[in-house]
C-alpha atoms as a PDB file:
ATOM      1  CA  UNK A   1      37.276  54.806  13.833  1.00  0.00           C
ATOM      2  CA  UNK A   2      39.500  51.737  14.000  1.00  0.00           C
ATOM      3  CA  UNK A   3      41.450  50.840  10.922  1.00  0.00           C
ATOM      4  CA  UNK A   4      42.484  47.217  10.575  1.00  0.00           C
ATOM      5  CA  UNK A   5      45.355  46.302   8.348  1.00  0.00           C
ATOM      6  CA  UNK A   6      45.599  42.987   6.528  1.00  0.00           C
ATOM      7  CA  UNK A   7      47.741  41.504   9.290  1.00  0.00           C
ATOM      8  CA  UNK A   8      45.129  42.347  11.942  1.00  0.00           C
ATOM      9  CA  UNK A   9      42.375  40.963   9.775  1.00  0.00           C
ATOM     10  CA  UNK A  10      44.387  37.798   9.173  1.00  0.00           C
ATOM     11  CA  UNK A  11      44.900  37.268  12.915  1.00  0.00           C
ATOM     12  CA  UNK A  12      41.235  37.899  13.654  1.00  0.00           C
ATOM     13  CA  UNK A  13      40.162  35.508  10.907  1.00  0.00           C
ATOM     14  CA  UNK A  14      42.591  32.811  12.060  1.00  0.00           C
ATOM     15  CA  UNK A  15      41.361  33.108  15.663  1.00  0.00           C
ATOM     16  CA  UNK A  16      37.733  32.925  14.532  1.00  0.00           C
ATOM     17  CA  UNK A  17      38.515  29.765  12.551  1.00  0.00           C
ATOM     18  CA  UNK A  18      40.261  28.229  15.589  1.00  0.00           C
ATOM     19  CA  UNK A  19      37.248  29.026  17.740  1.00  0.00           C
ATOM     20  CA  UNK A  20      34.891  27.464  15.203  1.00  0.00           C
ATOM     21  CA  UNK A  21      36.935  24.258  15.138  1.00  0.00           C
ATOM     22  CA  UNK A  22      36.937  24.203  18.946  1.00  0.00           C
ATOM     23  CA  UNK A  23      33.168  24.729  19.113  1.00  0.00           C
ATOM     24  CA  UNK A  24      32.585  21.908  16.614  1.00  0.00           C
ATOM     25  CA  UNK A  25      34.820  19.640  18.695  1.00  0.00           C
ATOM     26  CA  UNK A  26      32.894  20.513  21.857  1.00  0.00           C
ATOM     27  CA  UNK A  27      29.602  19.848  20.089  1.00  0.00           C
ATOM     28  CA  UNK A  28      30.854  16.431  19.007  1.00  0.00           C
ATOM     29  CA  UNK A  29      31.843  15.576  22.572  1.00  0.00           C
ATOM     30  CA  UNK A  30      28.557  16.827  23.998  1.00  0.00           C
ATOM     31  CA  UNK A  31      26.485  14.957  21.404  1.00  0.00           C
ATOM     32  CA  UNK A  32      27.688  11.607  22.784  1.00  0.00           C
ATOM     33  CA  UNK A  33      27.182  12.374  26.485  1.00  0.00           C
ATOM     34  CA  UNK A  34      25.078   9.783  28.299  1.00  0.00           C
ATOM     35  CA  UNK A  35      24.054  10.344  31.895  1.00  0.00           C
ATOM     36  CA  UNK A  36      23.211   7.385  34.117  1.00  0.00           C
ATOM     37  CA  UNK A  37      20.917   7.198  37.105  1.00  0.00           C
ATOM     38  CA  UNK A  38      19.414   4.464  39.193  1.00  0.00           C
ATOM     39  CA  UNK A  39      17.058   3.997  42.115  1.00  0.00           C
ATOM     40  CA  UNK A  40      15.363   1.248  44.114  1.00  0.00           C
ATOM     41  CA  UNK A  41      18.663  -0.527  44.722  1.00  0.00           C
ATOM     42  CA  UNK A  42      19.467  -0.558  41.009  1.00  0.00           C
ATOM     43  CA  UNK A  43      16.102  -2.015  40.030  1.00  0.00           C
ATOM     44  CA  UNK A  44      15.243   1.158  38.085  1.00  0.00           C
ATOM     45  CA  UNK A  45      17.833   2.537  35.657  1.00  0.00           C
ATOM     46  CA  UNK A  46      17.573   5.562  33.416  1.00  0.00           C
ATOM     47  CA  UNK A  47      19.837   7.122  30.797  1.00  0.00           C
ATOM     48  CA  UNK A  48      19.667  10.700  29.548  1.00  0.00           C
ATOM     49  CA  UNK A  49      21.377  12.717  26.842  1.00  0.00           C
ATOM     50  CA  UNK A  50      23.185  16.016  27.251  1.00  0.00           C
ATOM     51  CA  UNK A  51      19.984  18.035  26.852  1.00  0.00           C
ATOM     52  CA  UNK A  52      18.320  16.026  29.620  1.00  0.00           C
ATOM     53  CA  UNK A  53      16.095  14.029  27.302  1.00  0.00           C
ATOM     54  CA  UNK A  54      15.596  10.489  28.560  1.00  0.00           C
ATOM     55  CA  UNK A  55      17.113   7.922  26.236  1.00  0.00           C
ATOM     56  CA  UNK A  56      16.334   4.765  28.156  1.00  0.00           C
ATOM     57  CA  UNK A  57      14.393   3.387  31.104  1.00  0.00           C
ATOM     58  CA  UNK A  58      14.915  -0.114  32.467  1.00  0.00           C
ATOM     59  CA  UNK A  59      12.678  -1.498  35.179  1.00  0.00           C
ATOM     60  CA  UNK A  60      13.774  -4.831  36.594  1.00  0.00           C
ATOM     61  CA  UNK A  61      11.068  -7.310  37.609  1.00  0.00           C
ATOM     62  CA  UNK A  62      11.904  -6.751  41.281  1.00  0.00           C
ATOM     63  CA  UNK A  63      10.883  -3.104  41.005  1.00  0.00           C
ATOM     64  CA  UNK A  64       7.357  -4.193  40.137  1.00  0.00           C
ATOM     65  CA  UNK A  65       6.930  -5.182  43.773  1.00  0.00           C
ATOM     66  CA  UNK A  66       6.801  -1.485  44.591  1.00  0.00           C
ATOM     67  CA  UNK A  67       3.396   0.149  44.700  1.00  0.00           C
ATOM     68  CA  UNK A  68       2.544   2.615  41.945  1.00  0.00           C
ATOM     69  CA  UNK A  69       3.710   5.633  43.906  1.00  0.00           C
ATOM     70  CA  UNK A  70       6.977   3.972  44.928  1.00  0.00           C
ATOM     71  CA  UNK A  71       7.730   2.948  41.360  1.00  0.00           C
ATOM     72  CA  UNK A  72       6.935   6.435  40.068  1.00  0.00           C
ATOM     73  CA  UNK A  73       9.230   7.986  42.687  1.00  0.00           C
ATOM     74  CA  UNK A  74      12.014   5.557  41.780  1.00  0.00           C
ATOM     75  CA  UNK A  75      11.709   6.387  38.083  1.00  0.00           C
ATOM     76  CA  UNK A  76      11.768  10.123  38.827  1.00  0.00           C
ATOM     77  CA  UNK A  77      14.762   9.763  41.157  1.00  0.00           C
ATOM     78  CA  UNK A  78      16.699   7.743  38.574  1.00  0.00           C
ATOM     79  CA  UNK A  79      15.763  10.246  35.845  1.00  0.00           C
ATOM     80  CA  UNK A  80      16.999  13.156  37.966  1.00  0.00           C
ATOM     81  CA  UNK A  81      20.275  11.325  38.647  1.00  0.00           C
ATOM     82  CA  UNK A  82      20.722  10.660  34.927  1.00  0.00           C
ATOM     83  CA  UNK A  83      20.023  14.304  34.113  1.00  0.00           C
ATOM     84  CA  UNK A  84      22.454  15.498  36.806  1.00  0.00           C
ATOM     85  CA  UNK A  85      25.136  13.080  35.598  1.00  0.00           C
ATOM     86  CA  UNK A  86      24.774  14.297  32.008  1.00  0.00           C
ATOM     87  CA  UNK A  87      24.940  17.925  33.175  1.00  0.00           C
ATOM     88  CA  UNK A  88      28.160  17.223  35.127  1.00  0.00           C
ATOM     89  CA  UNK A  89      29.713  15.665  32.044  1.00  0.00           C
ATOM     90  CA  UNK A  90      28.740  18.632  29.864  1.00  0.00           C
ATOM     91  CA  UNK A  91      30.159  21.035  32.457  1.00  0.00           C
ATOM     92  CA  UNK A  92      33.443  19.107  32.453  1.00  0.00           C
ATOM     93  CA  UNK A  93      33.597  19.253  28.654  1.00  0.00           C
ATOM     94  CA  UNK A  94      32.875  22.976  28.584  1.00  0.00           C
ATOM     95  CA  UNK A  95      35.522  23.765  31.209  1.00  0.00           C
ATOM     96  CA  UNK A  96      38.137  21.648  29.450  1.00  0.00           C
ATOM     97  CA  UNK A  97      41.726  21.229  30.564  1.00  0.00           C
ATOM     98  CA  UNK A  98      43.677  24.216  31.947  1.00  0.00           C
ATOM     99  CA  UNK A  99      44.965  26.485  29.201  1.00  0.00           C
ATOM    100  CA  UNK A 100      42.224  25.392  26.815  1.00  0.00           C
ATOM    101  CA  UNK A 101      40.113  28.525  27.113  1.00  0.00           C
ATOM    102  CA  UNK A 102      37.779  29.248  24.238  1.00  0.00           C
ATOM    103  CA  UNK A 103      37.968  33.020  24.551  1.00  0.00           C
END
């Protein structure tokens, strides 16, 4: 059985507290991520949060010239771009700068 002395316990506790602060910082950065996507030559624009949930859809009047299927495809394409952009940003946050490993 492993016996920890007070010094070991102090180091473990300090490291756990550092990790908690780091995780809270990451969460704060991720909470404000906004991914952007567009399609139909910029006539359809979509924003998405870090979890992929759409936060905005803008359809310019020019996009209404598309038929129903074309407009639907443009919205889906812009939504996928927004989701992918948000995911890239989250990945960059999670990787962090060199030497900033969580564990």
